[in-house]
Amino acid sequence: MTKRPRRNHSPAFKAKVALDALKGEETIVELSQRYQVHPNLITEWKKQLLEHAADVFSKDRGTDQGPDIKELHAKIGRLAMENDFLSGALGRIAGPGAKK
């Protein structure tokens, strides 16, 4: 008996299979034959979908969307201002022969 190589399924594929399982139009065994995955995987994906379905509608989803652009622009502005100030201060302290 030859072993099949391990497959990594995309989240979209898992969601599609789990939604089909939730519809109940086909049995888990029929779905496993159609999508060529083990019935235990379908059951696990269905369980995960049901557990995390409320997260789709939660209001605090913004944390997963990455850094806030306005906040990053403000930080860049502050750092640029600090650099300008410090380079000017270095010029006054060290005199004309100092390296910048």
N, C-alpha and C. Protein backbone atom coordinates (compact mmCIF):
# COMPACT_ATOMS: atom_id res chain seq x y z
N MET A 1 0.84 -1.18 0.00
CA MET A 1 0.00 0.00 0.00
C MET A 1 0.89 1.24 0.00
N THR A 2 0.68 2.11 -0.95
CA THR A 2 1.49 3.33 -1.02
C THR A 2 0.77 4.46 -0.28
N LYS A 3 1.57 5.28 0.35
CA LYS A 3 1.02 6.41 1.08
C LYS A 3 0.92 7.61 0.15
N ARG A 4 -0.18 8.34 0.29
CA ARG A 4 -0.33 9.59 -0.45
C ARG A 4 0.46 10.68 0.26
N PRO A 5 1.02 11.60 -0.50
CA PRO A 5 1.73 12.70 0.16
C PRO A 5 0.73 13.57 0.94
N ARG A 6 1.20 14.17 2.00
CA ARG A 6 0.36 15.02 2.83
C ARG A 6 -0.04 16.27 2.03
N ARG A 7 -1.34 16.58 2.08
CA ARG A 7 -1.85 17.73 1.35
C ARG A 7 -2.22 18.83 2.33
N ASN A 8 -2.00 20.05 1.92
CA ASN A 8 -2.42 21.22 2.70
C ASN A 8 -3.59 21.86 1.96
N HIS A 9 -4.72 21.91 2.65
CA HIS A 9 -5.92 22.47 2.03
C HIS A 9 -6.03 23.94 2.39
N SER A 10 -6.47 24.73 1.44
CA SER A 10 -6.62 26.16 1.67
C SER A 10 -7.82 26.42 2.58
N PRO A 11 -7.81 27.55 3.27
CA PRO A 11 -8.96 27.89 4.12
C PRO A 11 -10.26 27.99 3.32
N ALA A 12 -10.18 28.46 2.09
CA ALA A 12 -11.38 28.57 1.26
C ALA A 12 -11.96 27.18 0.95
N PHE A 13 -11.09 26.23 0.68
CA PHE A 13 -11.53 24.86 0.41
C PHE A 13 -12.18 24.26 1.65
N LYS A 14 -11.55 24.46 2.80
CA LYS A 14 -12.10 23.94 4.05
C LYS A 14 -13.47 24.53 4.34
N ALA A 15 -13.61 25.83 4.11
CA ALA A 15 -14.89 26.49 4.35
C ALA A 15 -15.97 25.95 3.41
N LYS A 16 -15.60 25.73 2.16
CA LYS A 16 -16.56 25.22 1.18
C LYS A 16 -17.05 23.83 1.58
N VAL A 17 -16.14 22.97 1.98
CA VAL A 17 -16.50 21.61 2.38
C VAL A 17 -17.33 21.63 3.65
N ALA A 18 -16.93 22.46 4.62
CA ALA A 18 -17.67 22.54 5.88
C ALA A 18 -19.07 23.09 5.66
N LEU A 19 -19.22 24.06 4.78
CA LEU A 19 -20.55 24.59 4.49
C LEU A 19 -21.43 23.54 3.81
N ASP A 20 -20.84 22.78 2.91
CA ASP A 20 -21.60 21.70 2.28
C ASP A 20 -22.03 20.67 3.31
N ALA A 21 -21.17 20.40 4.28
CA ALA A 21 -21.52 19.45 5.33
C ALA A 21 -22.64 20.00 6.20
N LEU A 22 -22.62 21.31 6.45
CA LEU A 22 -23.68 21.92 7.26
C LEU A 22 -25.02 21.93 6.55
N LYS A 23 -25.00 22.03 5.24
CA LYS A 23 -26.25 22.03 4.48
C LYS A 23 -27.01 20.72 4.68
N GLY A 24 -26.28 19.63 4.80
CA GLY A 24 -26.92 18.35 5.05
C GLY A 24 -27.56 17.70 3.83
N GLU A 25 -27.28 18.20 2.64
CA GLU A 25 -27.84 17.62 1.43
C GLU A 25 -27.17 16.29 1.08
N GLU A 26 -25.92 16.14 1.51
CA GLU A 26 -25.17 14.90 1.29
C GLU A 26 -24.60 14.44 2.62
N THR A 27 -24.36 13.15 2.72
CA THR A 27 -23.75 12.63 3.94
C THR A 27 -22.26 12.97 3.96
N ILE A 28 -21.66 12.82 5.12
CA ILE A 28 -20.23 13.08 5.26
C ILE A 28 -19.42 12.14 4.37
N VAL A 29 -19.86 10.91 4.25
CA VAL A 29 -19.16 9.94 3.41
C VAL A 29 -19.23 10.35 1.94
N GLU A 30 -20.39 10.80 1.51
CA GLU A 30 -20.52 11.25 0.12
C GLU A 30 -19.64 12.47 -0.15
N LEU A 31 -19.62 13.38 0.81
CA LEU A 31 -18.75 14.56 0.65
C LEU A 31 -17.28 14.17 0.62
N SER A 32 -16.92 13.21 1.46
CA SER A 32 -15.51 12.79 1.49
C SER A 32 -15.10 12.15 0.18
N GLN A 33 -16.00 11.43 -0.45
CA GLN A 33 -15.70 10.84 -1.76
C GLN A 33 -15.63 11.92 -2.84
N ARG A 34 -16.54 12.88 -2.78
CA ARG A 34 -16.57 13.93 -3.79
C ARG A 34 -15.34 14.83 -3.71
N TYR A 35 -14.93 15.22 -2.48
CA TYR A 35 -13.80 16.12 -2.31
C TYR A 35 -12.48 15.39 -2.07
N GLN A 36 -12.53 14.08 -1.95
CA GLN A 36 -11.35 13.24 -1.75
C GLN A 36 -10.57 13.61 -0.49
N VAL A 37 -11.31 13.76 0.62
CA VAL A 37 -10.70 13.98 1.92
C VAL A 37 -11.33 12.99 2.91
N HIS A 38 -10.66 12.76 4.00
CA HIS A 38 -11.14 11.81 5.00
C HIS A 38 -12.37 12.37 5.71
N PRO A 39 -13.35 11.52 6.03
CA PRO A 39 -14.55 12.00 6.71
C PRO A 39 -14.25 12.69 8.05
N ASN A 40 -13.21 12.24 8.74
CA ASN A 40 -12.85 12.88 10.01
C ASN A 40 -12.44 14.34 9.80
N LEU A 41 -11.78 14.63 8.68
CA LEU A 41 -11.39 16.01 8.38
C LEU A 41 -12.63 16.87 8.19
N ILE A 42 -13.59 16.35 7.45
CA ILE A 42 -14.82 17.12 7.21
C ILE A 42 -15.53 17.40 8.52
N THR A 43 -15.60 16.41 9.38
CA THR A 43 -16.24 16.59 10.69
C THR A 43 -15.50 17.64 11.52
N GLU A 44 -14.17 17.60 11.48
CA GLU A 44 -13.37 18.57 12.23
C GLU A 44 -13.55 19.98 11.67
N TRP A 45 -13.55 20.15 10.35
CA TRP A 45 -13.74 21.46 9.73
C TRP A 45 -15.13 22.00 10.04
N LYS A 46 -16.12 21.14 10.03
CA LYS A 46 -17.49 21.54 10.35
C LYS A 46 -17.56 22.04 11.80
N LYS A 47 -16.90 21.32 12.69
CA LYS A 47 -16.87 21.70 14.10
C LYS A 47 -16.18 23.05 14.28
N GLN A 48 -15.04 23.26 13.60
CA GLN A 48 -14.33 24.52 13.69
C GLN A 48 -15.17 25.68 13.15
N LEU A 49 -15.88 25.43 12.07
CA LEU A 49 -16.72 26.46 11.48
C LEU A 49 -17.82 26.88 12.46
N LEU A 50 -18.43 25.92 13.09
CA LEU A 50 -19.50 26.23 14.04
C LEU A 50 -18.95 26.96 15.27
N GLU A 51 -17.77 26.59 15.73
CA GLU A 51 -17.18 27.24 16.90
C GLU A 51 -16.78 28.68 16.64
N HIS A 52 -16.32 28.97 15.43
CA HIS A 52 -15.79 30.30 15.13
C HIS A 52 -16.71 31.14 14.26
N ALA A 53 -17.93 30.72 14.07
CA ALA A 53 -18.85 31.48 13.22
C ALA A 53 -19.18 32.83 13.83
N ALA A 54 -19.24 32.93 15.15
CA ALA A 54 -19.55 34.20 15.80
C ALA A 54 -18.45 35.23 15.59
N ASP A 55 -17.22 34.79 15.38
CA ASP A 55 -16.11 35.72 15.17
C ASP A 55 -16.26 36.53 13.89
N VAL A 56 -16.99 36.01 12.94
CA VAL A 56 -17.19 36.71 11.67
C VAL A 56 -17.95 38.01 11.91
N PHE A 57 -18.87 38.01 12.86
CA PHE A 57 -19.72 39.16 13.09
C PHE A 57 -19.29 40.02 14.28
N SER A 58 -18.17 39.71 14.89
CA SER A 58 -17.73 40.48 16.05
C SER A 58 -17.20 41.84 15.60
N LYS A 59 -17.32 42.83 16.48
CA LYS A 59 -16.91 44.19 16.14
C LYS A 59 -15.41 44.41 16.28
N ASP A 60 -14.72 43.61 17.07
CA ASP A 60 -13.29 43.82 17.28
C ASP A 60 -12.43 43.03 16.31
N ARG A 61 -12.89 42.89 15.09
CA ARG A 61 -12.13 42.18 14.07
C ARG A 61 -10.98 43.01 13.53
N GLY A 62 -10.94 44.30 13.82
CA GLY A 62 -9.91 45.19 13.28
C GLY A 62 -8.51 44.82 13.70
N THR A 63 -8.34 44.06 14.77
CA THR A 63 -7.00 43.71 15.23
C THR A 63 -6.32 42.76 14.26
N ASP A 64 -7.07 42.01 13.49
CA ASP A 64 -6.48 41.07 12.54
C ASP A 64 -6.15 41.72 11.20
N GLN A 65 -6.52 42.97 11.03
CA GLN A 65 -6.37 43.60 9.74
C GLN A 65 -5.02 44.27 9.53
N GLY A 66 -4.15 44.21 10.50
CA GLY A 66 -2.83 44.78 10.34
C GLY A 66 -2.72 46.12 11.03
N PRO A 67 -1.59 46.79 10.88
CA PRO A 67 -1.36 48.06 11.56
C PRO A 67 -2.23 49.18 10.99
N ASP A 68 -2.51 50.16 11.83
CA ASP A 68 -3.31 51.31 11.42
C ASP A 68 -2.41 52.27 10.62
N ILE A 69 -2.83 52.62 9.44
CA ILE A 69 -2.03 53.46 8.53
C ILE A 69 -1.84 54.86 9.10
N LYS A 70 -2.90 55.45 9.68
CA LYS A 70 -2.77 56.80 10.23
C LYS A 70 -1.77 56.83 11.38
N GLU A 71 -1.80 55.81 12.20
CA GLU A 71 -0.87 55.73 13.32
C GLU A 71 0.57 55.62 12.83
N LEU A 72 0.79 54.82 11.76
CA LEU A 72 2.14 54.68 11.21
C LEU A 72 2.64 55.98 10.60
N HIS A 73 1.75 56.72 9.90
CA HIS A 73 2.15 58.00 9.32
C HIS A 73 2.51 59.01 10.42
N ALA A 74 1.77 58.99 11.52
CA ALA A 74 2.06 59.89 12.63
C ALA A 74 3.42 59.56 13.23
N LYS A 75 3.72 58.28 13.35
CA LYS A 75 5.00 57.87 13.91
C LYS A 75 6.15 58.28 12.99
N ILE A 76 5.97 58.13 11.70
CA ILE A 76 7.00 58.54 10.74
C ILE A 76 7.26 60.04 10.87
N GLY A 77 6.18 60.82 11.01
CA GLY A 77 6.34 62.27 11.17
C GLY A 77 7.12 62.62 12.43
N ARG A 78 6.79 61.95 13.54
CA ARG A 78 7.51 62.21 14.79
C ARG A 78 8.99 61.86 14.66
N LEU A 79 9.28 60.71 14.05
CA LEU A 79 10.67 60.30 13.90
C LEU A 79 11.44 61.24 12.98
N ALA A 80 10.80 61.71 11.92
CA ALA A 80 11.47 62.64 11.01
C ALA A 80 11.78 63.95 11.74
N MET A 81 10.83 64.41 12.57
CA MET A 81 11.04 65.63 13.33
C MET A 81 12.19 65.47 14.34
N GLU A 82 12.23 64.32 15.00
CA GLU A 82 13.32 64.05 15.95
C GLU A 82 14.67 64.01 15.25
N ASN A 83 14.72 63.39 14.08
CA ASN A 83 15.98 63.33 13.31
C ASN A 83 16.46 64.73 12.93
N ASP A 84 15.54 65.56 12.46
CA ASP A 84 15.91 66.93 12.09
C ASP A 84 16.43 67.69 13.30
N PHE A 85 15.74 67.56 14.42
CA PHE A 85 16.15 68.26 15.64
C PHE A 85 17.53 67.79 16.10
N LEU A 86 17.72 66.49 16.13
CA LEU A 86 18.99 65.95 16.63
C LEU A 86 20.15 66.27 15.69
N SER A 87 19.91 66.25 14.40
CA SER A 87 21.00 66.59 13.48
C SER A 87 21.38 68.05 13.62
N GLY A 88 20.40 68.91 13.87
CA GLY A 88 20.70 70.33 14.11
C GLY A 88 21.45 70.53 15.41
N ALA A 89 21.04 69.81 16.45
CA ALA A 89 21.70 69.92 17.75
C ALA A 89 23.13 69.38 17.67
N LEU A 90 23.33 68.32 16.93
CA LEU A 90 24.67 67.77 16.77
C LEU A 90 25.58 68.77 16.07
N GLY A 91 25.05 69.47 15.10
CA GLY A 91 25.84 70.47 14.37
C GLY A 91 26.25 71.61 15.28
N ARG A 92 25.40 72.02 16.22
CA ARG A 92 25.72 73.12 17.13
C ARG A 92 26.72 72.68 18.19
N ILE A 93 26.61 71.44 18.65
CA ILE A 93 27.47 70.96 19.73
C ILE A 93 28.87 70.65 19.20
N ALA A 94 28.97 69.92 18.14
CA ALA A 94 30.25 69.43 17.67
C ALA A 94 31.04 70.46 16.87
N GLY A 95 30.37 71.42 16.32
CA GLY A 95 31.08 72.42 15.54
C GLY A 95 31.17 72.01 14.08
N PRO A 96 31.91 72.80 13.29
CA PRO A 96 31.95 72.57 11.84
C PRO A 96 32.73 71.32 11.44
N GLY A 97 33.61 70.81 12.27
CA GLY A 97 34.43 69.65 11.88
C GLY A 97 33.80 68.32 12.25
N ALA A 98 32.61 68.30 12.80
CA ALA A 98 31.98 67.04 13.23
C ALA A 98 31.39 66.30 12.05
N LYS A 99 31.42 64.99 12.15
CA LYS A 99 30.81 64.16 11.10
C LYS A 99 29.31 64.09 11.32
N LYS A 100 28.58 64.13 10.26
CA LYS A 100 27.11 64.01 10.35
C LYS A 100 26.66 62.71 9.78
